Amino acid sequence: MKVISVNIGKKEKIQWKNKTVETGIYKKPVDTNIFLGIEEVNNDHVVDRKHHGGKDMAVYAYTKNHYAYFQKLHPDLEFQNGIFGENLTVSNLLETEVCIGDVFQVGEAVVQVAQPRFPCFKLGIVFGTQKIVKEYLHTTYCGFYFRVLQKGSVKKGDTILLIEKAKNSMTVADVYSLYTTNKKNKKMIHAALALEFLADKCKNHFRRKLL
């Protein structure tokens, strides 16, 4: 498991339904280190603070293994690292294996898996079609957000080391499925609510589902 690319984005303006929207989704690879802070990556512009940034969504990681699947669906699109809006393009961190609460050493930083990532229309703008949102939702290839337990620098080529496996947890893919294929599975929802390290945002969503 390694860091293939570190990516940051600038604030950009895009047009959406006759409106101008600001976003930081356009992440570009950089050759220098990036610094993982407690609530965000330094010098990475986070515009929509409701859905990005903060202690439970400080860093977004996405596995390069999934790129080939989407490249087949979008053969005319140039795929560069960071296309999904991720800060860390990584290898072999699979949502079906990584669990909520898993702790990793990445470069100088120590991070913990907090929640899956959920796509919005901005990903569709990057891809030039909103079809990508449904395609993304129909897979387990969501990536995940880290909370940062120890701040530090990360660079391309750094090894990702699992230092603590969460006990009695759920995989990222299983939690993600509660937003897609298992929306009405109350047993799984209750199990997710019992997870100590699941992001509060997700727990609040699941509590509303049980009302």
Protein backbone atom coordinates (compact mmCIF):
# COMPACT_ATOMS: atom_id res chain seq x y z
CA MET A 1 0.00 0.00 0.00
CA LYS A 2 1.54 3.25 -1.13
CA VAL A 3 0.81 6.86 -1.92
CA ILE A 4 0.82 7.13 -5.71
CA SER A 5 0.12 10.86 -5.86
CA VAL A 6 -0.56 13.79 -3.54
CA ASN A 7 -3.05 16.30 -4.90
CA ILE A 8 -4.35 19.73 -3.95
CA GLY A 9 -6.80 22.10 -5.60
CA LYS A 10 -7.41 25.80 -6.04
CA LYS A 11 -10.77 27.49 -5.74
CA GLU A 12 -12.41 27.57 -9.17
CA LYS A 13 -15.70 28.89 -10.50
CA ILE A 14 -17.93 26.64 -12.61
CA GLN A 15 -21.31 27.04 -14.25
CA TRP A 16 -24.16 24.83 -13.06
CA LYS A 17 -27.80 25.34 -14.06
CA ASN A 18 -27.24 28.99 -14.96
CA LYS A 19 -25.47 29.65 -11.68
CA THR A 20 -21.84 30.26 -10.82
CA VAL A 21 -20.61 27.76 -8.23
CA GLU A 22 -17.25 27.75 -6.47
CA THR A 23 -15.49 24.44 -5.92
CA GLY A 24 -12.16 22.93 -4.95
CA ILE A 25 -12.81 19.55 -6.57
CA TYR A 26 -10.19 20.01 -9.29
CA LYS A 27 -7.22 18.42 -7.55
CA LYS A 28 -3.86 18.36 -9.33
CA PRO A 29 -0.79 16.28 -8.48
CA VAL A 30 2.12 18.13 -6.90
CA ASP A 31 5.75 17.04 -6.65
CA THR A 32 6.26 18.49 -3.18
CA ASN A 33 5.06 17.23 0.19
CA ILE A 34 1.57 18.09 1.35
CA PHE A 35 0.80 18.66 5.02
CA LEU A 36 -2.19 16.92 6.59
CA GLY A 37 -3.74 19.16 9.20
CA ILE A 38 -6.45 18.31 11.70
CA GLU A 39 -9.27 19.80 9.60
CA GLU A 40 -7.80 20.04 6.10
CA VAL A 41 -4.78 19.67 3.88
CA ASN A 42 -2.64 22.79 3.92
CA ASN A 43 -2.94 24.90 0.74
CA ASP A 44 -5.87 22.82 -0.50
CA HIS A 45 -8.93 24.97 -1.06
CA VAL A 46 -12.07 23.60 0.58
CA VAL A 47 -15.12 25.60 -0.46
CA ASP A 48 -18.12 23.54 0.65
CA ARG A 49 -17.44 23.12 4.35
CA LYS A 50 -20.69 21.23 4.85
CA HIS A 51 -19.50 18.29 2.79
CA HIS A 52 -15.70 18.57 2.89
CA GLY A 53 -13.09 19.40 5.48
CA GLY A 54 -13.42 19.36 9.24
CA LYS A 55 -12.12 16.76 11.66
CA ASP A 56 -14.02 13.83 10.11
CA MET A 57 -13.34 14.77 6.48
CA ALA A 58 -9.88 16.26 6.66
CA VAL A 59 -8.30 14.16 3.91
CA TYR A 60 -9.90 12.27 1.01
CA ALA A 61 -8.18 9.12 -0.24
CA TYR A 62 -9.04 7.19 -3.40
CA THR A 63 -7.59 3.95 -4.69
CA LYS A 64 -5.92 3.99 -8.10
CA ASN A 65 -7.04 0.37 -8.59
CA HIS A 66 -10.53 1.70 -9.42
CA TYR A 67 -9.45 4.04 -12.19
CA ALA A 68 -9.53 1.34 -14.88
CA TYR A 69 -13.21 0.61 -14.23
CA PHE A 70 -14.24 4.21 -14.88
CA GLN A 71 -11.79 4.65 -17.75
CA LYS A 72 -13.68 1.92 -19.61
CA LEU A 73 -16.92 3.86 -19.08
CA HIS A 74 -15.33 7.17 -20.11
CA PRO A 75 -12.66 6.27 -22.70
CA ASP A 76 -12.43 9.79 -24.15
CA LEU A 77 -11.64 11.43 -20.82
CA GLU A 78 -8.06 12.02 -19.73
CA PHE A 79 -7.59 10.43 -16.32
CA GLN A 80 -4.96 12.11 -14.18
CA ASN A 81 -4.36 11.42 -10.52
CA GLY A 82 -6.79 13.45 -8.43
CA ILE A 83 -9.65 13.27 -10.95
CA PHE A 84 -12.06 12.10 -8.25
CA GLY A 85 -11.16 15.07 -6.07
CA GLU A 86 -8.89 13.05 -3.81
CA ASN A 87 -5.97 14.45 -1.86
CA LEU A 88 -4.27 11.06 -1.78
CA THR A 89 -4.28 8.70 -4.74
CA VAL A 90 -3.29 5.39 -3.17
CA SER A 91 -2.78 1.76 -4.09
CA ASN A 92 -4.53 -1.34 -2.72
CA LEU A 93 -6.70 0.29 -0.06
CA LEU A 94 -9.98 -1.39 -0.94
CA GLU A 95 -13.31 -0.34 0.52
CA THR A 96 -14.31 -3.98 0.90
CA GLU A 97 -11.33 -4.53 3.21
CA VAL A 98 -10.74 -1.20 4.95
CA CYS A 99 -12.92 -0.66 8.03
CA ILE A 100 -14.25 2.40 9.78
CA GLY A 101 -11.77 3.20 12.54
CA ASP A 102 -8.71 1.60 10.92
CA VAL A 103 -5.58 3.62 11.72
CA PHE A 104 -2.73 4.08 9.24
CA GLN A 105 0.68 5.68 9.25
CA VAL A 106 1.06 7.72 6.06
CA GLY A 107 4.36 9.53 5.79
CA GLU A 108 4.71 11.58 8.97
CA ALA A 109 0.95 11.58 9.62
CA VAL A 110 -1.31 9.15 11.46
CA VAL A 111 -4.84 8.96 10.07
CA GLN A 112 -8.05 7.09 10.83
CA VAL A 113 -10.84 6.06 8.47
CA ALA A 114 -13.97 8.06 9.36
CA GLN A 115 -16.52 7.64 6.54
CA PRO A 116 -17.12 6.90 2.85
CA ARG A 117 -17.24 9.68 0.28
CA PHE A 118 -20.54 10.44 -1.45
CA PRO A 119 -20.59 11.98 -4.94
CA CYS A 120 -22.37 15.16 -5.98
CA PHE A 121 -23.00 17.07 -9.22
CA LYS A 122 -19.51 18.56 -9.11
CA LEU A 123 -18.00 15.18 -9.93
CA GLY A 124 -20.32 15.13 -12.94
CA ILE A 125 -18.93 18.47 -14.06
CA VAL A 126 -15.37 17.13 -13.84
CA PHE A 127 -16.37 14.13 -15.97
CA GLY A 128 -18.49 16.17 -18.36
CA THR A 129 -21.59 14.11 -17.59
CA GLN A 130 -23.81 13.57 -14.58
CA LYS A 131 -23.93 9.86 -15.46
CA ILE A 132 -20.78 9.42 -13.41
CA VAL A 133 -22.72 10.09 -10.20
CA LYS A 134 -24.99 7.07 -10.72
CA GLU A 135 -22.10 4.96 -11.98
CA TYR A 136 -20.16 5.85 -8.84
CA LEU A 137 -23.12 5.00 -6.61
CA HIS A 138 -23.57 1.61 -8.29
CA THR A 139 -20.12 0.46 -7.15
CA THR A 140 -18.26 0.15 -3.87
CA TYR A 141 -15.54 2.39 -5.31
CA CYS A 142 -16.28 5.39 -3.12
CA GLY A 143 -12.97 6.09 -1.43
CA PHE A 144 -13.00 7.37 2.12
CA TYR A 145 -12.24 10.30 4.36
CA PHE A 146 -9.54 10.23 7.01
CA ARG A 147 -9.53 12.12 10.27
CA VAL A 148 -6.00 13.14 11.20
CA LEU A 149 -4.77 11.86 14.56
CA GLN A 150 -1.24 13.13 14.10
CA LYS A 151 -0.43 15.98 11.75
CA GLY A 152 2.40 15.57 9.29
CA SER A 153 3.78 15.71 5.77
CA VAL A 154 3.03 13.13 3.09
CA LYS A 155 4.65 12.73 -0.31
CA LYS A 156 4.40 10.60 -3.41
CA GLY A 157 5.88 7.15 -2.80
CA ASP A 158 5.26 7.05 0.94
CA THR A 159 4.30 3.66 2.33
CA ILE A 160 0.88 3.31 3.96
CA LEU A 161 1.15 1.13 7.06
CA LEU A 162 -1.82 -0.27 8.98
CA ILE A 163 -0.98 0.29 12.63
CA GLU A 164 -4.33 -0.52 14.24
CA LYS A 165 -7.20 -2.58 12.87
CA ALA A 166 -10.60 -1.48 14.19
CA LYS A 167 -12.39 -4.14 16.23
CA ASN A 168 -16.06 -5.04 15.73
CA SER A 169 -16.32 -2.56 12.89
CA MET A 170 -17.84 -2.47 9.40
CA THR A 171 -16.10 -2.06 6.08
CA VAL A 172 -16.32 1.22 4.23
CA ALA A 173 -18.23 -0.62 1.49
CA ASP A 174 -20.86 -1.85 3.95
CA VAL A 175 -21.42 1.63 5.39
CA TYR A 176 -21.59 3.06 1.86
CA SER A 177 -24.23 0.46 0.96
CA LEU A 178 -26.53 1.96 3.59
CA TYR A 179 -26.81 4.97 1.26
CA THR A 180 -27.34 2.82 -1.83
CA THR A 181 -28.40 -0.85 -1.87
CA ASN A 182 -29.12 -1.31 1.85
CA LYS A 183 -30.99 1.90 2.64
CA LYS A 184 -33.75 0.03 4.48
CA ASN A 185 -31.61 -2.51 6.30
CA LYS A 186 -32.33 -1.52 9.89
CA LYS A 187 -30.06 -4.19 11.34
CA MET A 188 -27.09 -2.78 9.45
CA ILE A 189 -28.11 0.80 10.29
CA HIS A 190 -28.13 -0.04 14.01
CA ALA A 191 -24.74 -1.71 13.61
CA ALA A 192 -23.38 1.42 11.94
CA LEU A 193 -24.73 3.63 14.72
CA ALA A 194 -22.81 1.52 17.22
CA LEU A 195 -19.48 2.21 15.52
CA GLU A 196 -17.29 4.28 17.80
CA PHE A 197 -15.28 5.92 15.03
CA LEU A 198 -17.92 6.54 12.36
CA ALA A 199 -18.25 10.23 11.49
CA ASP A 200 -21.02 12.12 13.30
CA LYS A 201 -22.46 13.25 9.97
CA CYS A 202 -23.14 9.64 8.98
CA LYS A 203 -24.59 8.77 12.36
CA ASN A 204 -26.97 11.72 12.20
CA HIS A 205 -28.12 10.58 8.76
CA PHE A 206 -28.80 7.05 10.02
CA ARG A 207 -30.67 8.31 13.09
CA ARG A 208 -33.01 10.23 10.80
CA LYS A 209 -33.56 7.08 8.73
CA LEU A 210 -34.87 5.31 11.84
CA LEU A 211 -37.44 8.00 12.70
